[in-house]
C-alpha atoms as a PDB file:
ATOM      1  CA  MET A   1     137.944 101.456 105.974  1.00  0.00           C
ATOM      2  CA  PRO A   2     141.172 102.541 107.681  1.00  0.00           C
ATOM      3  CA  SER A   3     142.083 100.630 110.819  1.00  0.00           C
ATOM      4  CA  HIS A   4     141.634 103.616 113.135  1.00  0.00           C
ATOM      5  CA  ARG A   5     137.879 103.226 112.704  1.00  0.00           C
ATOM      6  CA  ALA A   6     137.731  99.536 113.583  1.00  0.00           C
ATOM      7  CA  ASN A   7     137.216  99.894 117.346  1.00  0.00           C
ATOM      8  CA  LEU A   8     134.274 102.250 117.186  1.00  0.00           C
ATOM      9  CA  PRO A   9     131.150 100.969 118.975  1.00  0.00           C
ATOM     10  CA  VAL A  10     128.131  99.970 116.925  1.00  0.00           C
ATOM     11  CA  VAL A  11     125.571 102.751 116.866  1.00  0.00           C
ATOM     12  CA  VAL A  12     122.425 102.306 118.929  1.00  0.00           C
ATOM     13  CA  ALA A  13     118.992 102.031 117.373  1.00  0.00           C
ATOM     14  CA  PRO A  14     118.358 104.675 114.691  1.00  0.00           C
ATOM     15  CA  PRO A  15     116.405 107.802 115.650  1.00  0.00           C
ATOM     16  CA  ARG A  16     112.654 107.430 115.718  1.00  0.00           C
ATOM     17  CA  ARG A  17     110.438 109.592 113.597  1.00  0.00           C
ATOM     18  CA  LEU A  18     109.706 112.801 115.456  1.00  0.00           C
ATOM     19  CA  ARG A  19     105.937 112.817 115.474  1.00  0.00           C
ATOM     20  CA  THR A  20     103.149 113.894 117.726  1.00  0.00           C
ATOM     21  CA  GLY A  21     100.012 111.917 117.031  1.00  0.00           C
ATOM     22  CA  ARG A  22      96.504 112.593 118.332  1.00  0.00           C
ATOM     23  CA  THR A  23      94.796 109.697 120.059  1.00  0.00           C
ATOM     24  CA  GLY A  24      91.487 111.204 121.084  1.00  0.00           C
ATOM     25  CA  ARG A  25      88.224 109.653 119.900  1.00  0.00           C
ATOM     26  CA  THR A  26      84.811 110.887 118.981  1.00  0.00           C
ATOM     27  CA  GLY A  27      81.609 109.285 117.753  1.00  0.00           C
ATOM     28  CA  PRO A  28      80.162 105.828 118.411  1.00  0.00           C
ATOM     29  CA  GLU A  29      83.565 104.157 118.791  1.00  0.00           C
ATOM     30  CA  ALA A  30      84.502 106.338 121.764  1.00  0.00           C
ATOM     31  CA  THR A  31      83.335 103.836 124.371  1.00  0.00           C
ATOM     32  CA  THR A  32      86.917 102.916 125.333  1.00  0.00           C
ATOM     33  CA  VAL A  33      90.081 104.973 125.583  1.00  0.00           C
ATOM     34  CA  ALA A  34      92.938 104.038 123.264  1.00  0.00           C
ATOM     35  CA  PRO A  35      96.320 103.408 124.867  1.00  0.00           C
ATOM     36  CA  ALA A  36      98.523 106.476 124.828  1.00  0.00           C
ATOM     37  CA  GLY A  37     100.456 106.722 121.593  1.00  0.00           C
ATOM     38  CA  SER A  38      98.299 104.260 119.630  1.00  0.00           C
ATOM     39  CA  THR A  39      98.110 106.556 116.608  1.00  0.00           C
ATOM     40  CA  GLU A  40     101.838 107.201 116.789  1.00  0.00           C
ATOM     41  CA  ARG A  41     102.544 103.477 117.034  1.00  0.00           C
ATOM     42  CA  ILE A  42     100.536 102.713 113.891  1.00  0.00           C
ATOM     43  CA  VAL A  43     102.140 105.596 111.977  1.00  0.00           C
ATOM     44  CA  GLU A  44     105.638 104.451 112.961  1.00  0.00           C
ATOM     45  CA  SER A  45     104.937 100.802 112.140  1.00  0.00           C
ATOM     46  CA  ILE A  46     103.581 101.557 108.661  1.00  0.00           C
ATOM     47  CA  THR A  47     106.367 104.062 107.966  1.00  0.00           C
ATOM     48  CA  THR A  48     109.058 101.609 109.061  1.00  0.00           C
ATOM     49  CA  ALA A  49     107.526  98.862 106.911  1.00  0.00           C
ATOM     50  CA  ILE A  50     107.686 101.210 103.915  1.00  0.00           C
ATOM     51  CA  VAL A  51     111.263 102.326 104.623  1.00  0.00           C
ATOM     52  CA  GLU A  52     112.391  98.705 105.067  1.00  0.00           C
ATOM     53  CA  ARG A  53     110.539  97.774 101.848  1.00  0.00           C
ATOM     54  CA  ARG A  54     108.113  95.360 103.481  1.00  0.00           C
ATOM     55  CA  LEU A  55     105.063  97.295 102.234  1.00  0.00           C
ATOM     56  CA  MET A  56     104.889  97.840  98.497  1.00  0.00           C
ATOM     57  CA  PRO A  57     103.300 100.820  96.690  1.00  0.00           C
ATOM     58  CA  GLY A  58      99.610 100.252  96.087  1.00  0.00           C
ATOM     59  CA  THR A  59      99.173  97.803  98.997  1.00  0.00           C
ATOM     60  CA  LYS A  60      95.663  98.036 100.442  1.00  0.00           C
ATOM     61  CA  LEU A  61      95.522  99.116 104.084  1.00  0.00           C
ATOM     62  CA  ALA A  62      92.258  97.718 105.452  1.00  0.00           C
ATOM     63  CA  GLU A  63      91.146  99.687 108.518  1.00  0.00           C
ATOM     64  CA  GLN A  64      89.613  96.722 110.336  1.00  0.00           C
ATOM     65  CA  LYS A  65      92.626  94.497 109.787  1.00  0.00           C
ATOM     66  CA  ILE A  66      94.983  97.176 111.116  1.00  0.00           C
ATOM     67  CA  ALA A  67      92.633  97.763 114.061  1.00  0.00           C
ATOM     68  CA  ASP A  68      92.779  94.051 114.896  1.00  0.00           C
ATOM     69  CA  ILE A  69      96.582  93.960 114.627  1.00  0.00           C
ATOM     70  CA  PHE A  70      97.042  96.881 117.038  1.00  0.00           C
ATOM     71  CA  THR A  71      93.973  96.173 119.198  1.00  0.00           C
ATOM     72  CA  VAL A  72      92.500  99.635 118.695  1.00  0.00           C
ATOM     73  CA  SER A  73      89.325 101.058 117.185  1.00  0.00           C
ATOM     74  CA  ARG A  74      88.967 101.943 113.528  1.00  0.00           C
ATOM     75  CA  THR A  75      88.779 105.598 114.590  1.00  0.00           C
ATOM     76  CA  VAL A  76      92.382 105.424 115.835  1.00  0.00           C
ATOM     77  CA  VAL A  77      93.442 103.661 112.635  1.00  0.00           C
ATOM     78  CA  ARG A  78      91.707 106.356 110.585  1.00  0.00           C
ATOM     79  CA  GLN A  79      93.643 109.053 112.464  1.00  0.00           C
ATOM     80  CA  ALA A  80      96.920 107.286 111.651  1.00  0.00           C
ATOM     81  CA  LEU A  81      96.015 106.853 107.979  1.00  0.00           C
ATOM     82  CA  ASN A  82      95.032 110.516 107.730  1.00  0.00           C
ATOM     83  CA  GLN A  83      98.413 111.510 109.174  1.00  0.00           C
ATOM     84  CA  LEU A  84     100.230 109.237 106.713  1.00  0.00           C
ATOM     85  CA  SER A  85      98.149 110.707 103.906  1.00  0.00           C
ATOM     86  CA  ARG A  86      99.345 114.200 104.816  1.00  0.00           C
ATOM     87  CA  ASP A  87     102.908 112.845 104.625  1.00  0.00           C
ATOM     88  CA  ARG A  88     102.160 111.502 101.110  1.00  0.00           C
ATOM     89  CA  LEU A  89     102.860 107.924 102.186  1.00  0.00           C
ATOM     90  CA  VAL A  90      99.238 106.792 101.978  1.00  0.00           C
ATOM     91  CA  THR A  91      96.511 107.543  99.452  1.00  0.00           C
ATOM     92  CA  LEU A  92      92.907 107.833 100.646  1.00  0.00           C
ATOM     93  CA  ALA A  93      90.266 107.301  97.969  1.00  0.00           C
ATOM     94  CA  PRO A  94      86.459 107.541  98.424  1.00  0.00           C
ATOM     95  CA  ALA A  95      84.817 104.100  98.407  1.00  0.00           C
ATOM     96  CA  ARG A  96      88.223 102.455  97.920  1.00  0.00           C
ATOM     97  CA  GLY A  97      89.814 103.099 101.290  1.00  0.00           C
ATOM     98  CA  ALA A  98      93.511 103.523 102.015  1.00  0.00           C
ATOM     99  CA  SER A  99      96.541 102.165 100.200  1.00  0.00           C
ATOM    100  CA  VAL A 100     100.280 102.753 100.187  1.00  0.00           C
ATOM    101  CA  ALA A 101     100.982 105.687  97.866  1.00  0.00           C
ATOM    102  CA  THR A 102     102.306 105.229  94.338  1.00  0.00           C
ATOM    103  CA  PRO A 103     104.490 108.287  93.633  1.00  0.00           C
ATOM    104  CA  SER A 104     104.789 109.504  90.058  1.00  0.00           C
ATOM    105  CA  ALA A 105     108.079 109.951  88.204  1.00  0.00           C
ATOM    106  CA  ASP A 106     107.659 113.746  88.389  1.00  0.00           C
ATOM    107  CA  GLU A 107     107.164 113.563  92.158  1.00  0.00           C
ATOM    108  CA  ALA A 108     110.282 111.393  92.408  1.00  0.00           C
ATOM    109  CA  ARG A 109     112.374 113.997  90.572  1.00  0.00           C
ATOM    110  CA  GLN A 110     110.998 116.779  92.772  1.00  0.00           C
ATOM    111  CA  VAL A 111     111.771 114.863  95.971  1.00  0.00           C
ATOM    112  CA  PHE A 112     115.391 114.368  94.939  1.00  0.00           C
ATOM    113  CA  GLU A 113     115.688 117.986  93.813  1.00  0.00           C
ATOM    114  CA  VAL A 114     114.549 119.172  97.242  1.00  0.00           C
ATOM    115  CA  ARG A 115     116.816 116.703  99.009  1.00  0.00           C
ATOM    116  CA  ALA A 116     119.856 117.891  97.039  1.00  0.00           C
ATOM    117  CA  MET A 117     119.147 121.531  97.933  1.00  0.00           C
ATOM    118  CA  ILE A 118     118.634 120.774 101.621  1.00  0.00           C
ATOM    119  CA  GLU A 119     121.287 118.151 102.212  1.00  0.00           C
ATOM    120  CA  GLY A 120     124.084 119.884 100.339  1.00  0.00           C
ATOM    121  CA  ALA A 121     123.651 122.965 102.540  1.00  0.00           C
ATOM    122  CA  MET A 122     123.200 120.764 105.613  1.00  0.00           C
ATOM    123  CA  VAL A 123     126.557 118.986 105.355  1.00  0.00           C
ATOM    124  CA  ALA A 124     128.331 122.237 104.492  1.00  0.00           C
ATOM    125  CA  GLN A 125     126.974 123.778 107.691  1.00  0.00           C
ATOM    126  CA  LEU A 126     127.881 120.694 109.710  1.00  0.00           C
ATOM    127  CA  CYS A 127     131.507 121.018 108.597  1.00  0.00           C
ATOM    128  CA  GLY A 128     131.721 124.246 110.541  1.00  0.00           C
ATOM    129  CA  THR A 129     130.326 122.876 113.805  1.00  0.00           C
ATOM    130  CA  VAL A 130     131.152 119.166 113.916  1.00  0.00           C
ATOM    131  CA  THR A 131     132.988 117.869 116.996  1.00  0.00           C
ATOM    132  CA  GLY A 132     135.212 114.850 117.486  1.00  0.00           C
ATOM    133  CA  LEU A 133     132.445 113.048 119.349  1.00  0.00           C
ATOM    134  CA  GLN A 134     130.025 113.690 116.502  1.00  0.00           C
ATOM    135  CA  VAL A 135     132.506 112.337 113.964  1.00  0.00           C
ATOM    136  CA  ALA A 136     132.833 109.225 116.148  1.00  0.00           C
ATOM    137  CA  GLU A 137     129.042 108.851 116.097  1.00  0.00           C
ATOM    138  CA  LEU A 138     129.045 109.071 112.312  1.00  0.00           C
ATOM    139  CA  ARG A 139     131.851 106.507 112.101  1.00  0.00           C
ATOM    140  CA  ALA A 140     129.863 104.190 114.360  1.00  0.00           C
ATOM    141  CA  HIS A 141     126.839 104.551 112.113  1.00  0.00           C
ATOM    142  CA  LEU A 142     129.001 103.750 109.095  1.00  0.00           C
ATOM    143  CA  GLN A 143     130.265 100.634 110.861  1.00  0.00           C
ATOM    144  CA  ALA A 144     126.668  99.528 111.422  1.00  0.00           C
ATOM    145  CA  GLU A 145     125.909 100.173 107.736  1.00  0.00           C
ATOM    146  CA  GLN A 146     128.942  98.148 106.679  1.00  0.00           C
ATOM    147  CA  ALA A 147     127.955  95.216 108.899  1.00  0.00           C
ATOM    148  CA  ALA A 148     124.388  95.206 107.524  1.00  0.00           C
ATOM    149  CA  VAL A 149     125.667  95.289 103.936  1.00  0.00           C
ATOM    150  CA  ALA A 150     128.132  92.463 104.629  1.00  0.00           C
ATOM    151  CA  ARG A 151     125.477  90.159 106.089  1.00  0.00           C
ATOM    152  CA  THR A 152     122.944  90.983 103.330  1.00  0.00           C
ATOM    153  CA  ASP A 153     120.455  92.282 105.914  1.00  0.00           C
ATOM    154  CA  VAL A 154     118.211  94.027 103.378  1.00  0.00           C
ATOM    155  CA  PRO A 155     115.714  95.673 105.804  1.00  0.00           C
ATOM    156  CA  GLY A 156     118.509  96.647 108.196  1.00  0.00           C
ATOM    157  CA  ARG A 157     120.815  98.112 105.595  1.00  0.00           C
ATOM    158  CA  THR A 158     117.951  99.959 103.886  1.00  0.00           C
ATOM    159  CA  ARG A 159     116.977 101.577 107.186  1.00  0.00           C
ATOM    160  CA  LEU A 160     120.546 102.408 108.175  1.00  0.00           C
ATOM    161  CA  LEU A 161     121.447 103.875 104.775  1.00  0.00           C
ATOM    162  CA  ALA A 162     118.405 106.149 105.015  1.00  0.00           C
ATOM    163  CA  ASP A 163     118.982 107.034 108.675  1.00  0.00           C
ATOM    164  CA  PHE A 164     122.505 108.243 107.866  1.00  0.00           C
ATOM    165  CA  HIS A 165     120.941 111.374 106.385  1.00  0.00           C
ATOM    166  CA  VAL A 166     118.731 111.952 109.430  1.00  0.00           C
ATOM    167  CA  VAL A 167     121.713 111.519 111.765  1.00  0.00           C
ATOM    168  CA  LEU A 168     123.521 114.310 109.882  1.00  0.00           C
ATOM    169  CA  ALA A 169     120.531 116.628 110.424  1.00  0.00           C
ATOM    170  CA  ARG A 170     120.253 115.670 114.090  1.00  0.00           C
ATOM    171  CA  LEU A 171     123.924 116.516 114.685  1.00  0.00           C
ATOM    172  CA  LEU A 172     123.093 120.096 113.718  1.00  0.00           C
ATOM    173  CA  GLY A 173     120.584 120.141 116.577  1.00  0.00           C
ATOM    174  CA  ASN A 174     117.745 121.061 114.219  1.00  0.00           C
ATOM    175  CA  GLN A 175     114.775 118.822 114.977  1.00  0.00           C
ATOM    176  CA  VAL A 176     112.605 120.442 112.291  1.00  0.00           C
ATOM    177  CA  LEU A 177     115.239 119.594 109.691  1.00  0.00           C
ATOM    178  CA  ALA A 178     115.559 116.041 111.046  1.00  0.00           C
ATOM    179  CA  GLN A 179     111.776 115.541 110.791  1.00  0.00           C
ATOM    180  CA  LEU A 180     111.649 117.038 107.294  1.00  0.00           C
ATOM    181  CA  LEU A 181     114.408 114.706 106.135  1.00  0.00           C
ATOM    182  CA  ALA A 182     112.730 111.701 107.762  1.00  0.00           C
ATOM    183  CA  ASP A 183     109.573 112.470 105.774  1.00  0.00           C
ATOM    184  CA  LEU A 184     111.510 112.954 102.519  1.00  0.00           C
ATOM    185  CA  LEU A 185     113.422 109.720 103.091  1.00  0.00           C
ATOM    186  CA  SER A 186     110.195 107.781 103.650  1.00  0.00           C
ATOM    187  CA  ARG A 187     108.927 109.129 100.330  1.00  0.00           C
ATOM    188  CA  SER A 188     112.275 108.238  98.741  1.00  0.00           C
ATOM    189  CA  SER A 189     111.806 104.649  99.930  1.00  0.00           C
ATOM    190  CA  LEU A 190     108.455 104.475  98.147  1.00  0.00           C
ATOM    191  CA  ILE A 191     110.066 105.927  95.039  1.00  0.00           C
ATOM    192  CA  ALA A 192     112.792 103.271  95.135  1.00  0.00           C
ATOM    193  CA  LEU A 193     110.103 100.580  95.305  1.00  0.00           C
ATOM    194  CA  MET A 194     108.140 102.085  92.411  1.00  0.00           C
ATOM    195  CA  TYR A 195     111.191 102.636  90.206  1.00  0.00           C
ATOM    196  CA  PRO A 196     113.766  99.935  91.069  1.00  0.00           C
ATOM    197  CA  SER A 197     117.395 100.973  91.025  1.00  0.00           C
ATOM    198  CA  SER A 198     120.417  99.110  89.702  1.00  0.00           C
ATOM    199  CA  ARG A 199     122.484 100.735  92.439  1.00  0.00           C
ATOM    200  CA  SER A 200     124.130  98.556  95.102  1.00  0.00           C
ATOM    201  CA  ALA A 201     123.967  99.182  98.842  1.00  0.00           C
ATOM    202  CA  ALA A 202     127.773  98.944  98.939  1.00  0.00           C
ATOM    203  CA  GLN A 203     128.031 101.893  96.547  1.00  0.00           C
ATOM    204  CA  SER A 204     125.830 104.042  98.773  1.00  0.00           C
ATOM    205  CA  PHE A 205     127.879 103.024 101.796  1.00  0.00           C
ATOM    206  CA  ASP A 206     131.152 103.973 100.079  1.00  0.00           C
ATOM    207  CA  GLU A 207     129.740 107.396  99.203  1.00  0.00           C
ATOM    208  CA  HIS A 208     128.610 107.891 102.812  1.00  0.00           C
ATOM    209  CA  VAL A 209     132.184 107.176 103.927  1.00  0.00           C
ATOM    210  CA  ARG A 210     133.562 109.847 101.597  1.00  0.00           C
ATOM    211  CA  ILE A 211     131.000 112.369 102.862  1.00  0.00           C
ATOM    212  CA  VAL A 212     132.019 111.720 106.478  1.00  0.00           C
ATOM    213  CA  ASP A 213     135.702 111.974 105.506  1.00  0.00           C
ATOM    214  CA  ALA A 214     135.016 115.475 104.106  1.00  0.00           C
ATOM    215  CA  ILE A 215     133.039 116.467 107.198  1.00  0.00           C
ATOM    216  CA  GLU A 216     135.884 115.304 109.441  1.00  0.00           C
ATOM    217  CA  ARG A 217     138.280 117.483 107.399  1.00  0.00           C
ATOM    218  CA  HIS A 218     135.866 120.420 107.797  1.00  0.00           C
ATOM    219  CA  ASP A 219     135.830 120.685 103.991  1.00  0.00           C
ATOM    220  CA  ALA A 220     132.416 122.241 103.384  1.00  0.00           C
ATOM    221  CA  ALA A 221     132.742 122.510  99.603  1.00  0.00           C
ATOM    222  CA  ALA A 222     133.764 118.876  99.213  1.00  0.00           C
ATOM    223  CA  ALA A 223     131.088 117.608 101.594  1.00  0.00           C
ATOM    224  CA  ALA A 224     128.338 119.510  99.751  1.00  0.00           C
ATOM    225  CA  ALA A 225     129.572 118.340  96.346  1.00  0.00           C
ATOM    226  CA  LEU A 226     129.817 114.732  97.524  1.00  0.00           C
ATOM    227  CA  MET A 227     126.306 114.789  98.985  1.00  0.00           C
ATOM    228  CA  GLU A 228     124.803 116.351  95.873  1.00  0.00           C
ATOM    229  CA  GLY A 229     126.675 113.849  93.708  1.00  0.00           C
ATOM    230  CA  HIS A 230     125.492 110.982  95.899  1.00  0.00           C
ATOM    231  CA  LEU A 231     121.828 112.005  95.564  1.00  0.00           C
ATOM    232  CA  ALA A 232     122.172 112.645  91.828  1.00  0.00           C
ATOM    233  CA  SER A 233     123.674 109.179  91.395  1.00  0.00           C
ATOM    234  CA  VAL A 234     120.809 107.584  93.347  1.00  0.00           C
ATOM    235  CA  GLU A 235     118.244 109.409  91.214  1.00  0.00           C
ATOM    236  CA  GLN A 236     119.995 108.551  87.950  1.00  0.00           C
ATOM    237  CA  THR A 237     119.906 104.828  88.687  1.00  0.00           C
ATOM    238  CA  LEU A 238     116.140 104.846  89.283  1.00  0.00           C
ATOM    239  CA  GLN A 239     114.056 103.689  86.338  1.00  0.00           C
ATOM    240  CA  LEU A 240     112.074 106.943  86.086  1.00  0.00           C
ATOM    241  CA  ASP A 241     111.906 106.773  82.295  1.00  0.00           C
ATOM    242  CA  PRO A 242     111.043 103.169  81.461  1.00  0.00           C
ATOM    243  CA  ARG A 243     111.584 102.340  77.811  1.00  0.00           C
ATOM    244  CA  THR A 244     108.369 102.097  75.791  1.00  0.00           C
ATOM    245  CA  PRO A 245     108.649  99.039  73.555  1.00  0.00           C
ATOM    246  CA  ASP A 246     107.846  99.171  69.865  1.00  0.00           C
ATOM    247  CA  LEU A 247     104.280  97.866  69.552  1.00  0.00           C
ATOM    248  CA  ALA A 248     105.014  95.713  66.503  1.00  0.00           C
ATOM    249  CA  ALA A 249     108.048  94.178  68.190  1.00  0.00           C
ATOM    250  CA  ALA A 250     106.107  93.578  71.390  1.00  0.00           C
ATOM    251  CA  LEU A 251     103.259  91.791  69.596  1.00  0.00           C
ATOM    252  CA  ARG A 252     105.442  89.728  67.263  1.00  0.00           C
ATOM    253  CA  PRO A 253     105.434  86.067  68.388  1.00  0.00           C
ATOM    254  CA  ALA A 254     108.699  84.816  69.750  1.00  0.00           C
ATOM    255  CA  ALA A 255     110.733  82.621  67.396  1.00  0.00           C
ATOM    256  CA  ARG A 256     110.341  78.914  68.085  1.00  0.00           C
END
């Protein structure tokens, strides 16, 4: 990047998910009171593990094991899993318990369609209100992305590349939009795990830089087009249409 960006400070920790969890208990497990925010803590931990690609789609989420990890009752764990289920990050099945969701290819396409509609309009609006301090914050976030990519910090760069989109929403001062994007990005992380992409983190970073350049110029049309192109490129590199092999070819013994 140009030298005038080199002295920007590294951005602080990325914004937390904006959630309000319930921690009350009922029933036979209500003999002790859970620490404040226990449900929220479990929700954030599971969500972060998904975003950073440490929890794979289909992973079983045993209530008792999670309860032991967080030192809470299974009732509190159940509340967290129910909340994650509403966010489409966890699947709850009778007699089978909870597991990390496995999004379909159709759901993946719909998520990216919604993101393109929302985020294109979002950056166009930001072009009209962005301040110098906000541009500096975006540059600092880009510097953190670049550092994570350079040191092959996979969890860190994955989180920072996703949080870039939430930072844009937060700069508009719209917390509902920031929460909506955080939820969509968590689902996008699951999609990326289900349908691996050939796309490099460096490519995403470069596209983020061009988006911020357009925002700094207050070029709404360019910013919207760059964002929509960025999301379309991400979607296109996902393996949403895996090739079905010819049965005869698949069953033919390999040549010796």
